[in-house]
Amino acid sequence: MPFDPDRPAPANGMKYRTSYGYILAGPDERGCCVIHELWVTPEHRGKGLGRVFVGHVRTWAREHGLSPLIVHCSPGNQHGRGFYEALGMRAVAVVYQDDLLE
């Protein structure tokens, strides 16, 4: 699914958007807060904006009693994995998939 800065927030969720990027997050059925999308324009990456966006989600999640904060990141996304680990997050699951339409 391509990034779409006009995509609405998930049901009962939140969206934080600037001209440099956006983040979408919301609760899941277990009371966790899930980051669904995080995107920063290429020319503004590496300037701390992703950290600011995640900070807004963390504040929103705490205000709504949601924990833990979860984000799905593919194993091959070394930049994303490094980013989330630098924020103090840790990998806790292995997910398997079967590409049924290929």
C-alpha atoms as a PDB file:
ATOM      1  CA  MET A   1       0.000   0.000   0.000  1.00  0.00           C
ATOM      2  CA  PRO A   2       1.582   3.319  -1.012  1.00  0.00           C
ATOM      3  CA  PHE A   3       1.988   6.106   1.490  1.00  0.00           C
ATOM      4  CA  ASP A   4      -0.883   8.552   1.360  1.00  0.00           C
ATOM      5  CA  PRO A   5      -0.677  11.659   3.568  1.00  0.00           C
ATOM      6  CA  ASP A   6      -4.424  12.160   3.120  1.00  0.00           C
ATOM      7  CA  ARG A   7      -5.315   8.709   4.462  1.00  0.00           C
ATOM      8  CA  PRO A   8      -7.531   9.109   7.540  1.00  0.00           C
ATOM      9  CA  ALA A   9      -6.550   7.919  10.985  1.00  0.00           C
ATOM     10  CA  PRO A  10      -7.583   4.373  11.901  1.00  0.00           C
ATOM     11  CA  ALA A  11     -10.821   3.905  13.850  1.00  0.00           C
ATOM     12  CA  ASN A  12     -10.362   5.373  17.330  1.00  0.00           C
ATOM     13  CA  GLY A  13      -6.803   6.208  16.320  1.00  0.00           C
ATOM     14  CA  MET A  14      -4.659   9.236  15.753  1.00  0.00           C
ATOM     15  CA  LYS A  15      -2.895  10.936  12.890  1.00  0.00           C
ATOM     16  CA  TYR A  16      -0.132  13.495  13.154  1.00  0.00           C
ATOM     17  CA  ARG A  17       0.759  15.234   9.899  1.00  0.00           C
ATOM     18  CA  THR A  18       3.094  18.007   8.820  1.00  0.00           C
ATOM     19  CA  SER A  19       4.289  19.074   5.386  1.00  0.00           C
ATOM     20  CA  TYR A  20       7.341  16.852   6.024  1.00  0.00           C
ATOM     21  CA  GLY A  21       5.557  13.569   6.773  1.00  0.00           C
ATOM     22  CA  TYR A  22       2.967  11.813   8.869  1.00  0.00           C
ATOM     23  CA  ILE A  23       2.251   8.984  11.285  1.00  0.00           C
ATOM     24  CA  LEU A  24      -0.905   6.896  11.755  1.00  0.00           C
ATOM     25  CA  ALA A  25      -1.509   4.838  14.883  1.00  0.00           C
ATOM     26  CA  GLY A  26      -4.368   3.285  16.767  1.00  0.00           C
ATOM     27  CA  PRO A  27      -5.432   0.730  19.330  1.00  0.00           C
ATOM     28  CA  ASP A  28      -5.734  -2.955  18.602  1.00  0.00           C
ATOM     29  CA  GLU A  29      -8.139  -5.428  20.183  1.00  0.00           C
ATOM     30  CA  ARG A  30      -5.658  -6.184  23.004  1.00  0.00           C
ATOM     31  CA  GLY A  31      -5.238  -2.582  24.155  1.00  0.00           C
ATOM     32  CA  CYS A  32      -1.883  -2.108  22.437  1.00  0.00           C
ATOM     33  CA  CYS A  33      -1.022   0.949  20.375  1.00  0.00           C
ATOM     34  CA  VAL A  34       0.019   0.027  16.835  1.00  0.00           C
ATOM     35  CA  ILE A  35       1.904   2.339  14.499  1.00  0.00           C
ATOM     36  CA  HIS A  36       0.346   1.622  11.116  1.00  0.00           C
ATOM     37  CA  GLU A  37       2.376   4.035   9.013  1.00  0.00           C
ATOM     38  CA  LEU A  38       5.283   6.397   9.480  1.00  0.00           C
ATOM     39  CA  TRP A  39       6.625   8.401   6.563  1.00  0.00           C
ATOM     40  CA  VAL A  40       9.012  11.323   6.276  1.00  0.00           C
ATOM     41  CA  THR A  41       9.806  13.019   2.969  1.00  0.00           C
ATOM     42  CA  PRO A  42      13.193  11.862   1.653  1.00  0.00           C
ATOM     43  CA  GLU A  43      14.730  15.329   1.880  1.00  0.00           C
ATOM     44  CA  HIS A  44      13.809  15.590   5.582  1.00  0.00           C
ATOM     45  CA  ARG A  45      14.952  12.149   6.738  1.00  0.00           C
ATOM     46  CA  GLY A  46      17.710  11.952   9.320  1.00  0.00           C
ATOM     47  CA  LYS A  47      16.677  15.213  10.993  1.00  0.00           C
ATOM     48  CA  GLY A  48      14.762  13.780  13.952  1.00  0.00           C
ATOM     49  CA  LEU A  49      11.246  14.133  12.535  1.00  0.00           C
ATOM     50  CA  GLY A  50      10.460  10.417  12.821  1.00  0.00           C
ATOM     51  CA  ARG A  51      11.473  10.567  16.473  1.00  0.00           C
ATOM     52  CA  VAL A  52       9.129  13.546  16.965  1.00  0.00           C
ATOM     53  CA  PHE A  53       6.259  11.713  15.241  1.00  0.00           C
ATOM     54  CA  VAL A  54       6.744   8.607  17.401  1.00  0.00           C
ATOM     55  CA  GLY A  55       6.894  10.880  20.458  1.00  0.00           C
ATOM     56  CA  HIS A  56       3.436  12.203  19.597  1.00  0.00           C
ATOM     57  CA  VAL A  57       2.132   8.639  19.333  1.00  0.00           C
ATOM     58  CA  ARG A  58       3.691   7.672  22.662  1.00  0.00           C
ATOM     59  CA  THR A  59       2.017  10.640  24.354  1.00  0.00           C
ATOM     60  CA  TRP A  60      -1.339   9.857  22.727  1.00  0.00           C
ATOM     61  CA  ALA A  61      -1.068   6.165  23.692  1.00  0.00           C
ATOM     62  CA  ARG A  62      -0.306   6.982  27.330  1.00  0.00           C
ATOM     63  CA  GLU A  63      -3.232   9.418  27.455  1.00  0.00           C
ATOM     64  CA  HIS A  64      -5.499   6.622  26.187  1.00  0.00           C
ATOM     65  CA  GLY A  65      -4.096   3.884  28.452  1.00  0.00           C
ATOM     66  CA  LEU A  66      -2.612   1.891  25.573  1.00  0.00           C
ATOM     67  CA  SER A  67       0.484  -0.258  26.019  1.00  0.00           C
ATOM     68  CA  PRO A  68       2.747  -1.578  24.628  1.00  0.00           C
ATOM     69  CA  LEU A  69       3.598   0.388  21.494  1.00  0.00           C
ATOM     70  CA  ILE A  70       3.937  -1.963  18.506  1.00  0.00           C
ATOM     71  CA  VAL A  71       5.214  -1.462  14.969  1.00  0.00           C
ATOM     72  CA  HIS A  72       5.675  -4.088  12.273  1.00  0.00           C
ATOM     73  CA  CYS A  73       8.940  -3.788  10.356  1.00  0.00           C
ATOM     74  CA  SER A  74      10.168  -6.228   7.720  1.00  0.00           C
ATOM     75  CA  PRO A  75      13.431  -8.057   8.475  1.00  0.00           C
ATOM     76  CA  GLY A  76      15.036  -6.554   5.374  1.00  0.00           C
ATOM     77  CA  ASN A  77      14.285  -2.979   6.433  1.00  0.00           C
ATOM     78  CA  GLN A  78      17.604  -2.344   8.151  1.00  0.00           C
ATOM     79  CA  HIS A  79      17.052   1.425   8.306  1.00  0.00           C
ATOM     80  CA  GLY A  80      13.633   1.014   9.932  1.00  0.00           C
ATOM     81  CA  ARG A  81      14.875  -1.607  12.365  1.00  0.00           C
ATOM     82  CA  GLY A  82      17.790   0.609  13.382  1.00  0.00           C
ATOM     83  CA  PHE A  83      15.445   3.571  13.800  1.00  0.00           C
ATOM     84  CA  TYR A  84      13.039   1.732  16.117  1.00  0.00           C
ATOM     85  CA  GLU A  85      15.860   0.144  18.102  1.00  0.00           C
ATOM     86  CA  ALA A  86      17.425   3.606  18.580  1.00  0.00           C
ATOM     87  CA  LEU A  87      14.087   4.642  20.118  1.00  0.00           C
ATOM     88  CA  GLY A  88      14.438   1.859  22.691  1.00  0.00           C
ATOM     89  CA  MET A  89      12.121  -0.624  20.995  1.00  0.00           C
ATOM     90  CA  ARG A  90      13.141  -4.258  20.593  1.00  0.00           C
ATOM     91  CA  ALA A  91      12.199  -7.057  18.211  1.00  0.00           C
ATOM     92  CA  VAL A  92       9.916  -9.536  19.987  1.00  0.00           C
ATOM     93  CA  ALA A  93       8.298 -11.666  17.271  1.00  0.00           C
ATOM     94  CA  VAL A  94       8.911 -13.594  14.094  1.00  0.00           C
ATOM     95  CA  VAL A  95       6.126 -13.484  11.500  1.00  0.00           C
ATOM     96  CA  TYR A  96       5.743 -15.986   8.656  1.00  0.00           C
ATOM     97  CA  GLN A  97       3.824 -15.375   5.468  1.00  0.00           C
ATOM     98  CA  ASP A  98       2.768 -17.292   2.373  1.00  0.00           C
ATOM     99  CA  ASP A  99       2.367 -15.176  -0.748  1.00  0.00           C
ATOM    100  CA  LEU A 100      -0.738 -16.938  -2.021  1.00  0.00           C
ATOM    101  CA  LEU A 101      -1.171 -14.870  -5.160  1.00  0.00           C
ATOM    102  CA  GLU A 102       2.362 -15.315  -6.496  1.00  0.00           C
END
